[in-house]
Structure formats: C-alpha cells, structure tokens
Amino acid sequence: MKKETKIIVGVLAGAALGATIALALSSDSTSDLKGKLSDFLADLLDSSKDKLAGLADKASSVADKVKDKIADINA
C-alpha cells in the first residue's frame, strides 16, 4: 500500500470509530442510533468508493504514461 492510501484508510477508519463512539454516547433511542449509524456508514462507503475510483484513474494514467515511455525507448 502506498503512503497516501494508508493515510486515507486511517482517516476514514478514525472517522468511523469516532462517529460510532459519539453515537453510542448520545441519548438517542436504539432504533434512532441504528439508523444514524447505518446512514453514516453508507455515506462513508460512498465517499470511499469515490476516492478509490479517483486513485484508480490516476494509477491508470500513470501506467499509460509508463507504457508510452517504454515504447519510446524501444523504438
């Protein structure tokens, strides 16, 4: 894993843990707590997918540039 990926995963995990603890300590009823936690985790998952898609696009772009440079060298 790259350093940037580890940082992103760490931040997302920390946010999820902090939100879970905050919701657990709040005075909401159990069903409200479950709903809020479910919504938060769904949003977190969507955000993670978007960030990973961006990373995949960047990786693909870099791979294409490397292929082009290798082709130039071999030509």
Protein backbone atom coordinates (compact mmCIF):
# COMPACT_ATOMS: atom_id res chain seq x y z
CA MET A 1 0.00 0.00 0.00
CA LYS A 2 1.19 3.48 -0.82
CA LYS A 3 1.65 6.04 1.91
CA GLU A 4 -1.27 8.15 0.65
CA THR A 5 -3.59 5.14 0.63
CA LYS A 6 -2.63 4.26 4.20
CA ILE A 7 -3.33 7.82 5.30
CA ILE A 8 -6.75 7.85 3.63
CA VAL A 9 -7.68 4.49 5.16
CA GLY A 10 -6.50 5.66 8.59
CA VAL A 11 -8.52 8.87 8.40
CA LEU A 12 -11.65 7.04 7.27
CA ALA A 13 -11.27 4.40 9.99
CA GLY A 14 -10.73 7.09 12.62
CA ALA A 15 -13.79 9.00 11.45
CA ALA A 16 -15.91 5.85 11.55
CA LEU A 17 -14.70 4.96 15.03
CA GLY A 18 -15.22 8.50 16.34
CA ALA A 19 -18.73 8.68 14.93
CA THR A 20 -19.61 5.29 16.36
CA ILE A 21 -18.44 6.31 19.82
CA ALA A 22 -20.25 9.65 19.61
CA LEU A 23 -23.48 7.96 18.57
CA ALA A 24 -23.14 5.35 21.29
CA LEU A 25 -22.75 8.04 23.94
CA SER A 26 -25.66 10.14 22.67
CA SER A 27 -29.06 9.98 24.32
CA ASP A 28 -30.96 8.77 21.24
CA SER A 29 -33.05 5.66 21.32
CA THR A 30 -31.61 2.43 19.97
CA SER A 31 -33.55 2.49 16.70
CA ASP A 32 -32.52 6.11 16.04
CA LEU A 33 -28.93 5.20 16.82
CA LYS A 34 -29.00 2.27 14.42
CA GLY A 35 -30.50 4.44 11.68
CA LYS A 36 -27.94 7.21 12.13
CA LEU A 37 -25.06 4.74 12.23
CA SER A 38 -26.34 2.98 9.13
CA ASP A 39 -26.67 6.29 7.25
CA PHE A 40 -23.20 7.40 8.34
CA LEU A 41 -21.57 4.16 7.27
CA ALA A 42 -23.39 4.23 3.92
CA ASP A 43 -22.13 7.78 3.32
CA LEU A 44 -18.63 6.75 4.37
CA LEU A 45 -18.70 3.81 1.97
CA ASP A 46 -19.87 6.00 -0.91
CA SER A 47 -17.13 8.52 -0.17
CA SER A 48 -14.53 5.76 -0.02
CA LYS A 49 -15.67 4.38 -3.37
CA ASP A 50 -15.34 7.82 -4.95
CA LYS A 51 -11.83 8.31 -3.57
CA LEU A 52 -10.73 4.84 -4.67
CA ALA A 53 -12.15 5.42 -8.14
CA GLY A 54 -10.08 8.60 -8.35
CA LEU A 55 -6.98 6.72 -7.27
CA ALA A 56 -7.66 4.02 -9.85
CA ASP A 57 -7.94 6.68 -12.58
CA LYS A 58 -4.64 8.22 -11.52
CA ALA A 59 -2.96 4.81 -11.46
CA SER A 60 -4.27 4.04 -14.93
CA SER A 61 -2.99 7.37 -16.21
CA VAL A 62 0.47 6.74 -14.76
CA ALA A 63 0.52 3.24 -16.22
CA ASP A 64 -0.33 4.63 -19.67
CA LYS A 65 2.49 7.20 -19.40
CA VAL A 66 4.95 4.46 -18.41
CA LYS A 67 3.86 2.31 -21.36
CA ASP A 68 4.33 5.26 -23.71
CA LYS A 69 7.82 5.97 -22.37
CA ILE A 70 8.79 2.29 -22.68
CA ALA A 71 7.50 2.29 -26.26
CA ASP A 72 9.57 5.42 -27.00
CA ILE A 73 12.67 3.82 -25.52
CA ASN A 74 12.20 0.60 -27.51
CA ALA A 75 11.52 2.48 -30.77
